[in-house]
Amino acid sequence: MRFTEAVRSVFSNYAIFRGRAPRSEFWWFVLFTLIASFVLGLVDSVIVGPILGLSPLSGHGARPLDALFTLAVFLPTLAVAARRLHDTGRSAWWLLVGLIPLIGWLVFLYFAAQPSEAVTNEYGPPPLGRREAYR
């Protein structure tokens, strides 16, 4: 799955927690959110900050564009993470491991990096239906 295809797929399934998502879909979406958040943070610092009376790139003050983006992608991010866990044969309840300070996110990242199950599991058939998705 390519970058634009993955982002489009996540947003078209923005609140669907059932099914499976391949590694490529999850990690391309993570990259998209990181890049978009960085760019919006810069725009907030360079354009919005001075409008609010702050010096550019000061690191102080409101970041409304970045905050709105984060709010907009919160549900799609949870959904794709749940589908990614399903693809590795785990329940979406494993998302709660991220609530454990420090080590929780490392455990989740380990789970998300695992290869997909190449066979149908309790969460459905393999995504994409292509063999190369499971390497």
C-alpha atoms as a PDB file:
ATOM      1  CA  MET A   1       0.000   0.000   0.000  1.00  0.00           C
ATOM      2  CA  ARG A   2       1.345   3.413  -0.953  1.00  0.00           C
ATOM      3  CA  PHE A   3       1.308   6.615   1.091  1.00  0.00           C
ATOM      4  CA  THR A   4      -1.741   8.297  -0.454  1.00  0.00           C
ATOM      5  CA  GLU A   5      -3.610   5.018  -0.682  1.00  0.00           C
ATOM      6  CA  ALA A   6      -3.005   4.353   3.024  1.00  0.00           C
ATOM      7  CA  VAL A   7      -4.095   7.827   4.143  1.00  0.00           C
ATOM      8  CA  ARG A   8      -7.199   7.622   1.958  1.00  0.00           C
ATOM      9  CA  SER A   9      -7.988   4.170   3.347  1.00  0.00           C
ATOM     10  CA  VAL A  10      -7.695   5.304   6.969  1.00  0.00           C
ATOM     11  CA  PHE A  11      -9.915   8.341   6.432  1.00  0.00           C
ATOM     12  CA  SER A  12     -12.507   6.340   4.477  1.00  0.00           C
ATOM     13  CA  ASN A  13     -12.649   3.871   7.410  1.00  0.00           C
ATOM     14  CA  TYR A  14     -12.220   6.552  10.057  1.00  0.00           C
ATOM     15  CA  ALA A  15     -14.513   5.000  12.655  1.00  0.00           C
ATOM     16  CA  ILE A  16     -14.375   1.325  11.723  1.00  0.00           C
ATOM     17  CA  PHE A  17     -12.734  -0.703  14.455  1.00  0.00           C
ATOM     18  CA  ARG A  18     -13.436  -4.135  12.977  1.00  0.00           C
ATOM     19  CA  GLY A  19     -11.340  -5.811  10.325  1.00  0.00           C
ATOM     20  CA  ARG A  20      -7.627  -5.703   9.715  1.00  0.00           C
ATOM     21  CA  ALA A  21      -5.049  -3.148   8.566  1.00  0.00           C
ATOM     22  CA  PRO A  22      -1.671  -4.075   7.068  1.00  0.00           C
ATOM     23  CA  ARG A  23       1.576  -2.683   8.434  1.00  0.00           C
ATOM     24  CA  SER A  24       1.967  -0.337   5.483  1.00  0.00           C
ATOM     25  CA  GLU A  25      -1.415   1.319   6.092  1.00  0.00           C
ATOM     26  CA  PHE A  26      -0.668   1.895   9.763  1.00  0.00           C
ATOM     27  CA  TRP A  27       2.895   3.180   9.378  1.00  0.00           C
ATOM     28  CA  TRP A  28       2.123   5.422   6.384  1.00  0.00           C
ATOM     29  CA  PHE A  29      -0.674   6.991   8.414  1.00  0.00           C
ATOM     30  CA  VAL A  30       1.676   7.506  11.369  1.00  0.00           C
ATOM     31  CA  LEU A  31       4.136   9.241   9.029  1.00  0.00           C
ATOM     32  CA  PHE A  32       1.314  11.395   7.616  1.00  0.00           C
ATOM     33  CA  THR A  33       0.203  12.516  11.078  1.00  0.00           C
ATOM     34  CA  LEU A  34       3.774  13.310  12.161  1.00  0.00           C
ATOM     35  CA  ILE A  35       4.494  15.386   9.047  1.00  0.00           C
ATOM     36  CA  ALA A  36       1.146  17.198   9.157  1.00  0.00           C
ATOM     37  CA  SER A  37       1.526  17.953  12.865  1.00  0.00           C
ATOM     38  CA  PHE A  38       5.049  19.307  12.313  1.00  0.00           C
ATOM     39  CA  VAL A  39       3.949  21.522   9.394  1.00  0.00           C
ATOM     40  CA  LEU A  40       0.891  22.820  11.258  1.00  0.00           C
ATOM     41  CA  GLY A  41       3.050  23.497  14.316  1.00  0.00           C
ATOM     42  CA  LEU A  42       5.354  25.601  12.140  1.00  0.00           C
ATOM     43  CA  VAL A  43       2.415  27.461  10.621  1.00  0.00           C
ATOM     44  CA  ASP A  44       1.055  28.090  14.104  1.00  0.00           C
ATOM     45  CA  SER A  45       4.431  29.421  15.253  1.00  0.00           C
ATOM     46  CA  VAL A  46       5.173  31.572  12.210  1.00  0.00           C
ATOM     47  CA  ILE A  47       1.715  32.879  11.281  1.00  0.00           C
ATOM     48  CA  VAL A  48      -0.717  32.401  14.166  1.00  0.00           C
ATOM     49  CA  GLY A  49       1.778  33.296  16.904  1.00  0.00           C
ATOM     50  CA  PRO A  50       2.535  36.795  15.579  1.00  0.00           C
ATOM     51  CA  ILE A  51      -1.178  37.440  15.038  1.00  0.00           C
ATOM     52  CA  LEU A  52      -1.660  36.673  18.726  1.00  0.00           C
ATOM     53  CA  GLY A  53       1.229  38.977  19.658  1.00  0.00           C
ATOM     54  CA  LEU A  54       3.912  36.325  20.193  1.00  0.00           C
ATOM     55  CA  SER A  55       7.343  36.343  18.598  1.00  0.00           C
ATOM     56  CA  PRO A  56       7.693  33.898  15.686  1.00  0.00           C
ATOM     57  CA  LEU A  57       9.016  30.450  16.625  1.00  0.00           C
ATOM     58  CA  SER A  58       9.009  31.376  20.318  1.00  0.00           C
ATOM     59  CA  GLY A  59       7.496  28.057  21.319  1.00  0.00           C
ATOM     60  CA  HIS A  60       5.008  29.839  23.542  1.00  0.00           C
ATOM     61  CA  GLY A  61       1.315  30.281  23.110  1.00  0.00           C
ATOM     62  CA  ALA A  62      -1.549  28.587  21.380  1.00  0.00           C
ATOM     63  CA  ARG A  63      -1.239  26.140  18.512  1.00  0.00           C
ATOM     64  CA  PRO A  64      -4.832  26.057  17.297  1.00  0.00           C
ATOM     65  CA  LEU A  65      -4.209  24.478  13.879  1.00  0.00           C
ATOM     66  CA  ASP A  66      -2.138  21.656  15.322  1.00  0.00           C
ATOM     67  CA  ALA A  67      -4.694  21.127  18.101  1.00  0.00           C
ATOM     68  CA  LEU A  68      -7.572  20.949  15.596  1.00  0.00           C
ATOM     69  CA  PHE A  69      -5.643  18.503  13.419  1.00  0.00           C
ATOM     70  CA  THR A  70      -4.845  16.311  16.416  1.00  0.00           C
ATOM     71  CA  LEU A  71      -8.502  16.309  17.393  1.00  0.00           C
ATOM     72  CA  ALA A  72      -9.546  15.501  13.805  1.00  0.00           C
ATOM     73  CA  VAL A  73      -7.251  12.467  13.497  1.00  0.00           C
ATOM     74  CA  PHE A  74      -7.785  11.077  17.004  1.00  0.00           C
ATOM     75  CA  LEU A  75     -10.598   8.671  16.092  1.00  0.00           C
ATOM     76  CA  PRO A  76      -9.051   7.526  12.779  1.00  0.00           C
ATOM     77  CA  THR A  77      -5.766   6.873  14.586  1.00  0.00           C
ATOM     78  CA  LEU A  78      -7.476   4.732  17.215  1.00  0.00           C
ATOM     79  CA  ALA A  79      -9.381   2.849  14.507  1.00  0.00           C
ATOM     80  CA  VAL A  80      -6.326   2.059  12.378  1.00  0.00           C
ATOM     81  CA  ALA A  81      -4.363   1.056  15.489  1.00  0.00           C
ATOM     82  CA  ALA A  82      -7.156  -1.327  16.497  1.00  0.00           C
ATOM     83  CA  ARG A  83      -7.276  -2.810  12.999  1.00  0.00           C
ATOM     84  CA  ARG A  84      -3.468  -3.155  13.044  1.00  0.00           C
ATOM     85  CA  LEU A  85      -3.643  -5.111  16.290  1.00  0.00           C
ATOM     86  CA  HIS A  86      -6.361  -7.288  14.766  1.00  0.00           C
ATOM     87  CA  ASP A  87      -4.031  -7.998  11.860  1.00  0.00           C
ATOM     88  CA  THR A  88      -1.464  -9.400  14.279  1.00  0.00           C
ATOM     89  CA  GLY A  89      -4.094 -11.553  15.977  1.00  0.00           C
ATOM     90  CA  ARG A  90      -4.533  -9.338  19.057  1.00  0.00           C
ATOM     91  CA  SER A  91      -7.624  -7.706  20.485  1.00  0.00           C
ATOM     92  CA  ALA A  92      -8.038  -3.928  20.222  1.00  0.00           C
ATOM     93  CA  TRP A  93      -8.103  -3.901  24.012  1.00  0.00           C
ATOM     94  CA  TRP A  94      -4.311  -4.087  23.765  1.00  0.00           C
ATOM     95  CA  LEU A  95      -4.457  -0.373  22.898  1.00  0.00           C
ATOM     96  CA  LEU A  96      -4.873   0.198  26.624  1.00  0.00           C
ATOM     97  CA  VAL A  97      -1.299  -0.979  27.155  1.00  0.00           C
ATOM     98  CA  GLY A  98      -0.335   2.517  25.964  1.00  0.00           C
ATOM     99  CA  LEU A  99      -1.680   3.900  29.236  1.00  0.00           C
ATOM    100  CA  ILE A 100       1.194   2.290  31.148  1.00  0.00           C
ATOM    101  CA  PRO A 101       3.814   5.017  31.621  1.00  0.00           C
ATOM    102  CA  LEU A 102       6.938   4.764  29.455  1.00  0.00           C
ATOM    103  CA  ILE A 103       6.890   1.066  28.641  1.00  0.00           C
ATOM    104  CA  GLY A 104       3.290   0.881  27.403  1.00  0.00           C
ATOM    105  CA  TRP A 105       3.965   2.660  24.106  1.00  0.00           C
ATOM    106  CA  LEU A 106       7.040   0.550  23.513  1.00  0.00           C
ATOM    107  CA  VAL A 107       4.942  -2.605  23.881  1.00  0.00           C
ATOM    108  CA  PHE A 108       2.334  -1.210  21.473  1.00  0.00           C
ATOM    109  CA  LEU A 109       5.016  -0.264  18.935  1.00  0.00           C
ATOM    110  CA  TYR A 110       6.396  -3.785  19.164  1.00  0.00           C
ATOM    111  CA  PHE A 111       2.932  -5.208  18.450  1.00  0.00           C
ATOM    112  CA  ALA A 112       2.370  -2.788  15.552  1.00  0.00           C
ATOM    113  CA  ALA A 113       5.702  -3.739  13.984  1.00  0.00           C
ATOM    114  CA  GLN A 114       4.892  -7.462  13.951  1.00  0.00           C
ATOM    115  CA  PRO A 115       4.172  -9.078  10.579  1.00  0.00           C
ATOM    116  CA  SER A 116       0.597  -9.689   9.541  1.00  0.00           C
ATOM    117  CA  GLU A 117      -0.990 -13.078   9.962  1.00  0.00           C
ATOM    118  CA  ALA A 118      -1.173 -14.543   6.460  1.00  0.00           C
ATOM    119  CA  VAL A 119      -4.301 -16.544   7.216  1.00  0.00           C
ATOM    120  CA  THR A 120      -7.829 -15.612   8.141  1.00  0.00           C
ATOM    121  CA  ASN A 121      -8.073 -15.012  11.874  1.00  0.00           C
ATOM    122  CA  GLU A 122     -10.988 -14.185  14.171  1.00  0.00           C
ATOM    123  CA  TYR A 123     -10.949 -10.573  12.889  1.00  0.00           C
ATOM    124  CA  GLY A 124     -11.391 -11.428   9.227  1.00  0.00           C
ATOM    125  CA  PRO A 125      -9.485 -12.307   6.094  1.00  0.00           C
ATOM    126  CA  PRO A 126      -6.007 -10.900   5.432  1.00  0.00           C
ATOM    127  CA  PRO A 127      -6.047  -7.296   4.196  1.00  0.00           C
ATOM    128  CA  LEU A 128      -5.267  -6.561   0.555  1.00  0.00           C
ATOM    129  CA  GLY A 129      -5.428 -10.242  -0.351  1.00  0.00           C
ATOM    130  CA  ARG A 130      -1.843 -10.042  -1.621  1.00  0.00           C
ATOM    131  CA  ARG A 131       1.005 -12.221  -0.472  1.00  0.00           C
ATOM    132  CA  GLU A 132       3.548  -9.352  -0.450  1.00  0.00           C
ATOM    133  CA  ALA A 133       1.629  -7.657   2.362  1.00  0.00           C
ATOM    134  CA  TYR A 134       2.900 -10.306   4.787  1.00  0.00           C
ATOM    135  CA  ARG A 135       6.628 -10.000   4.418  1.00  0.00           C
END
